[in-house]
Amino acid sequence: MPVIFRYAGFRFFFYANEGTPREPVHIHAERDGLEAKFWIRPVVSVAYNNGYGARTLHELLGVVEADKALIERAWNDFFGG
């Protein structure tokens, strides 16, 4: 699972096996055994949240929004899209 970047102890990554057919571009954020998944398009949004509070989730949404281009580039480089 490629790690795209780290921020404040969070690891932002995607799984190498993202389903068949492959899901649309998204990113996972993990820290301390908790994880959230964010869709990138059409707008950055939460796909699921496993334990983060509202404040943390809001912060993570902002990080994903700010790094949306990097995430899409990394996804396309890895999956050949």
N, C-alpha and C. Protein backbone atom coordinates (compact mmCIF):
# COMPACT_ATOMS: atom_id res chain seq x y z
N MET A 1 0.84 -1.17 0.00
CA MET A 1 0.00 0.00 0.00
C MET A 1 0.89 1.24 0.00
N PRO A 2 0.86 1.97 -1.10
CA PRO A 2 1.71 3.14 -1.23
C PRO A 2 1.31 4.27 -0.28
N VAL A 3 2.28 4.76 0.48
CA VAL A 3 2.06 5.93 1.32
C VAL A 3 2.36 7.15 0.46
N ILE A 4 1.39 8.04 0.34
CA ILE A 4 1.53 9.21 -0.52
C ILE A 4 2.21 10.35 0.23
N PHE A 5 1.79 10.57 1.48
CA PHE A 5 2.45 11.58 2.32
C PHE A 5 2.04 11.36 3.77
N ARG A 6 2.71 12.06 4.65
CA ARG A 6 2.40 12.03 6.09
C ARG A 6 2.14 13.45 6.55
N TYR A 7 1.27 13.56 7.53
CA TYR A 7 0.92 14.86 8.07
C TYR A 7 0.53 14.68 9.53
N ALA A 8 1.22 15.36 10.44
CA ALA A 8 0.88 15.37 11.87
C ALA A 8 0.65 13.96 12.43
N GLY A 9 1.48 13.03 12.02
CA GLY A 9 1.35 11.66 12.50
C GLY A 9 0.37 10.80 11.73
N PHE A 10 -0.35 11.38 10.79
CA PHE A 10 -1.27 10.63 9.94
C PHE A 10 -0.51 10.10 8.72
N ARG A 11 -0.88 8.94 8.30
CA ARG A 11 -0.34 8.33 7.09
C ARG A 11 -1.45 8.36 6.04
N PHE A 12 -1.20 8.99 4.90
CA PHE A 12 -2.17 9.07 3.81
C PHE A 12 -1.72 8.10 2.73
N PHE A 13 -2.60 7.18 2.37
CA PHE A 13 -2.22 6.08 1.49
C PHE A 13 -3.43 5.55 0.74
N PHE A 14 -3.17 4.67 -0.20
CA PHE A 14 -4.24 3.86 -0.78
C PHE A 14 -3.77 2.43 -0.83
N TYR A 15 -4.72 1.52 -0.92
CA TYR A 15 -4.41 0.11 -1.00
C TYR A 15 -4.09 -0.27 -2.44
N ALA A 16 -3.12 -1.16 -2.63
CA ALA A 16 -2.75 -1.59 -3.97
C ALA A 16 -3.87 -2.35 -4.65
N ASN A 17 -4.72 -3.02 -3.88
CA ASN A 17 -5.86 -3.75 -4.42
C ASN A 17 -7.11 -2.96 -4.05
N GLU A 18 -7.55 -2.10 -4.92
CA GLU A 18 -8.69 -1.22 -4.62
C GLU A 18 -9.99 -1.71 -5.23
N GLY A 19 -10.16 -3.02 -5.31
CA GLY A 19 -11.43 -3.57 -5.75
C GLY A 19 -11.48 -3.87 -7.23
N THR A 20 -12.46 -4.68 -7.60
CA THR A 20 -12.69 -5.05 -8.99
C THR A 20 -14.17 -4.84 -9.28
N PRO A 21 -14.57 -3.88 -10.08
CA PRO A 21 -13.66 -2.93 -10.72
C PRO A 21 -13.07 -1.95 -9.70
N ARG A 22 -11.98 -1.31 -10.07
CA ARG A 22 -11.30 -0.39 -9.16
C ARG A 22 -12.21 0.77 -8.79
N GLU A 23 -12.18 1.13 -7.53
CA GLU A 23 -12.95 2.28 -7.06
C GLU A 23 -12.38 3.57 -7.64
N PRO A 24 -13.19 4.64 -7.66
CA PRO A 24 -12.66 5.95 -8.10
C PRO A 24 -11.54 6.43 -7.17
N VAL A 25 -10.83 7.44 -7.62
CA VAL A 25 -9.70 7.99 -6.86
C VAL A 25 -10.15 8.39 -5.45
N HIS A 26 -9.39 7.92 -4.48
CA HIS A 26 -9.64 8.25 -3.07
C HIS A 26 -8.36 8.05 -2.28
N ILE A 27 -8.38 8.44 -1.04
CA ILE A 27 -7.22 8.31 -0.15
C ILE A 27 -7.69 7.89 1.23
N HIS A 28 -6.87 7.11 1.91
CA HIS A 28 -7.14 6.70 3.29
C HIS A 28 -6.20 7.48 4.20
N ALA A 29 -6.67 7.82 5.39
CA ALA A 29 -5.84 8.45 6.40
C ALA A 29 -5.89 7.59 7.65
N GLU A 30 -4.71 7.27 8.22
CA GLU A 30 -4.64 6.38 9.37
C GLU A 30 -3.69 6.94 10.42
N ARG A 31 -4.12 6.80 11.67
CA ARG A 31 -3.25 7.12 12.81
C ARG A 31 -3.83 6.42 14.03
N ASP A 32 -2.96 5.82 14.80
CA ASP A 32 -3.35 5.18 16.07
C ASP A 32 -4.46 4.14 15.89
N GLY A 33 -4.43 3.41 14.79
CA GLY A 33 -5.40 2.36 14.56
C GLY A 33 -6.76 2.83 14.08
N LEU A 34 -6.93 4.14 13.89
CA LEU A 34 -8.17 4.69 13.34
C LEU A 34 -7.95 5.00 11.87
N GLU A 35 -9.02 4.96 11.10
CA GLU A 35 -8.87 5.20 9.66
C GLU A 35 -10.11 5.88 9.10
N ALA A 36 -9.86 6.74 8.11
CA ALA A 36 -10.95 7.36 7.36
C ALA A 36 -10.58 7.28 5.88
N LYS A 37 -11.60 7.32 5.04
CA LYS A 37 -11.42 7.26 3.60
C LYS A 37 -12.12 8.48 2.99
N PHE A 38 -11.45 9.11 2.02
CA PHE A 38 -11.96 10.32 1.41
C PHE A 38 -12.03 10.17 -0.10
N TRP A 39 -13.20 10.45 -0.67
CA TRP A 39 -13.33 10.55 -2.12
C TRP A 39 -12.69 11.87 -2.54
N ILE A 40 -12.13 11.89 -3.74
CA ILE A 40 -11.48 13.09 -4.26
C ILE A 40 -12.41 13.86 -5.21
N ARG A 41 -13.21 13.14 -5.96
CA ARG A 41 -14.11 13.74 -6.95
C ARG A 41 -15.53 13.27 -6.71
N PRO A 42 -16.55 14.03 -7.05
CA PRO A 42 -16.47 15.34 -7.68
C PRO A 42 -16.01 16.43 -6.71
N VAL A 43 -16.23 16.25 -5.42
CA VAL A 43 -15.68 17.14 -4.39
C VAL A 43 -15.09 16.25 -3.31
N VAL A 44 -14.12 16.77 -2.59
CA VAL A 44 -13.53 16.00 -1.49
C VAL A 44 -14.62 15.77 -0.44
N SER A 45 -14.80 14.50 -0.10
CA SER A 45 -15.83 14.14 0.88
C SER A 45 -15.43 12.88 1.62
N VAL A 46 -16.06 12.66 2.76
CA VAL A 46 -15.76 11.49 3.58
C VAL A 46 -16.52 10.28 3.02
N ALA A 47 -15.79 9.22 2.70
CA ALA A 47 -16.41 7.97 2.27
C ALA A 47 -16.78 7.13 3.48
N TYR A 48 -15.87 7.07 4.47
CA TYR A 48 -16.18 6.45 5.76
C TYR A 48 -15.22 6.95 6.81
N ASN A 49 -15.63 6.82 8.04
CA ASN A 49 -14.84 7.27 9.17
C ASN A 49 -14.92 6.19 10.25
N ASN A 50 -13.77 5.72 10.67
CA ASN A 50 -13.71 4.70 11.70
C ASN A 50 -13.04 5.26 12.95
N GLY A 51 -13.72 6.21 13.61
CA GLY A 51 -13.26 6.63 14.92
C GLY A 51 -12.79 8.05 15.11
N TYR A 52 -12.59 8.82 14.07
CA TYR A 52 -12.11 10.19 14.27
C TYR A 52 -13.26 11.10 14.69
N GLY A 53 -12.95 12.05 15.56
CA GLY A 53 -13.92 13.05 15.97
C GLY A 53 -14.14 14.08 14.87
N ALA A 54 -15.17 14.88 15.02
CA ALA A 54 -15.55 15.86 14.01
C ALA A 54 -14.43 16.86 13.72
N ARG A 55 -13.75 17.32 14.74
CA ARG A 55 -12.67 18.31 14.55
C ARG A 55 -11.53 17.71 13.72
N THR A 56 -11.13 16.49 14.06
CA THR A 56 -10.05 15.82 13.32
C THR A 56 -10.48 15.55 11.89
N LEU A 57 -11.69 15.09 11.71
CA LEU A 57 -12.19 14.80 10.37
C LEU A 57 -12.21 16.07 9.52
N HIS A 58 -12.60 17.17 10.10
CA HIS A 58 -12.61 18.45 9.38
C HIS A 58 -11.18 18.84 8.98
N GLU A 59 -10.24 18.66 9.88
CA GLU A 59 -8.84 18.96 9.58
C GLU A 59 -8.34 18.07 8.44
N LEU A 60 -8.67 16.79 8.50
CA LEU A 60 -8.23 15.86 7.46
C LEU A 60 -8.85 16.21 6.10
N LEU A 61 -10.10 16.61 6.09
CA LEU A 61 -10.73 17.06 4.84
C LEU A 61 -9.95 18.21 4.23
N GLY A 62 -9.52 19.15 5.06
CA GLY A 62 -8.72 20.28 4.57
C GLY A 62 -7.39 19.85 4.00
N VAL A 63 -6.74 18.88 4.65
CA VAL A 63 -5.46 18.37 4.16
C VAL A 63 -5.65 17.69 2.81
N VAL A 64 -6.67 16.86 2.71
CA VAL A 64 -6.93 16.16 1.44
C VAL A 64 -7.26 17.17 0.34
N GLU A 65 -8.06 18.15 0.65
CA GLU A 65 -8.40 19.19 -0.34
C GLU A 65 -7.13 19.90 -0.82
N ALA A 66 -6.25 20.25 0.10
CA ALA A 66 -5.02 20.97 -0.25
C ALA A 66 -4.07 20.11 -1.09
N ASP A 67 -4.11 18.79 -0.89
CA ASP A 67 -3.19 17.89 -1.59
C ASP A 67 -3.88 17.05 -2.66
N LYS A 68 -5.04 17.49 -3.11
CA LYS A 68 -5.84 16.75 -4.08
C LYS A 68 -5.05 16.43 -5.36
N ALA A 69 -4.33 17.39 -5.89
CA ALA A 69 -3.56 17.18 -7.12
C ALA A 69 -2.47 16.13 -6.91
N LEU A 70 -1.78 16.19 -5.79
CA LEU A 70 -0.75 15.21 -5.46
C LEU A 70 -1.34 13.81 -5.37
N ILE A 71 -2.49 13.69 -4.72
CA ILE A 71 -3.15 12.40 -4.55
C ILE A 71 -3.54 11.83 -5.91
N GLU A 72 -4.15 12.64 -6.75
CA GLU A 72 -4.56 12.15 -8.09
C GLU A 72 -3.36 11.75 -8.93
N ARG A 73 -2.29 12.53 -8.86
CA ARG A 73 -1.07 12.20 -9.61
C ARG A 73 -0.50 10.86 -9.15
N ALA A 74 -0.42 10.68 -7.83
CA ALA A 74 0.13 9.43 -7.29
C ALA A 74 -0.75 8.24 -7.67
N TRP A 75 -2.07 8.42 -7.60
CA TRP A 75 -3.01 7.36 -7.98
C TRP A 75 -2.79 6.97 -9.44
N ASN A 76 -2.75 7.97 -10.33
CA ASN A 76 -2.59 7.69 -11.75
C ASN A 76 -1.22 7.08 -12.06
N ASP A 77 -0.18 7.52 -11.39
CA ASP A 77 1.14 6.92 -11.57
C ASP A 77 1.13 5.46 -11.14
N PHE A 78 0.48 5.16 -10.03
CA PHE A 78 0.50 3.79 -9.51
C PHE A 78 -0.40 2.86 -10.33
N PHE A 79 -1.61 3.33 -10.62
CA PHE A 79 -2.58 2.47 -11.30
C PHE A 79 -2.57 2.62 -12.82
N GLY A 80 -1.76 3.56 -13.31
CA GLY A 80 -1.65 3.72 -14.76
C GLY A 80 -2.84 4.40 -15.40
N GLY A 81 -3.43 5.34 -14.66
CA GLY A 81 -4.62 6.01 -15.19
C GLY A 81 -4.31 7.34 -15.73
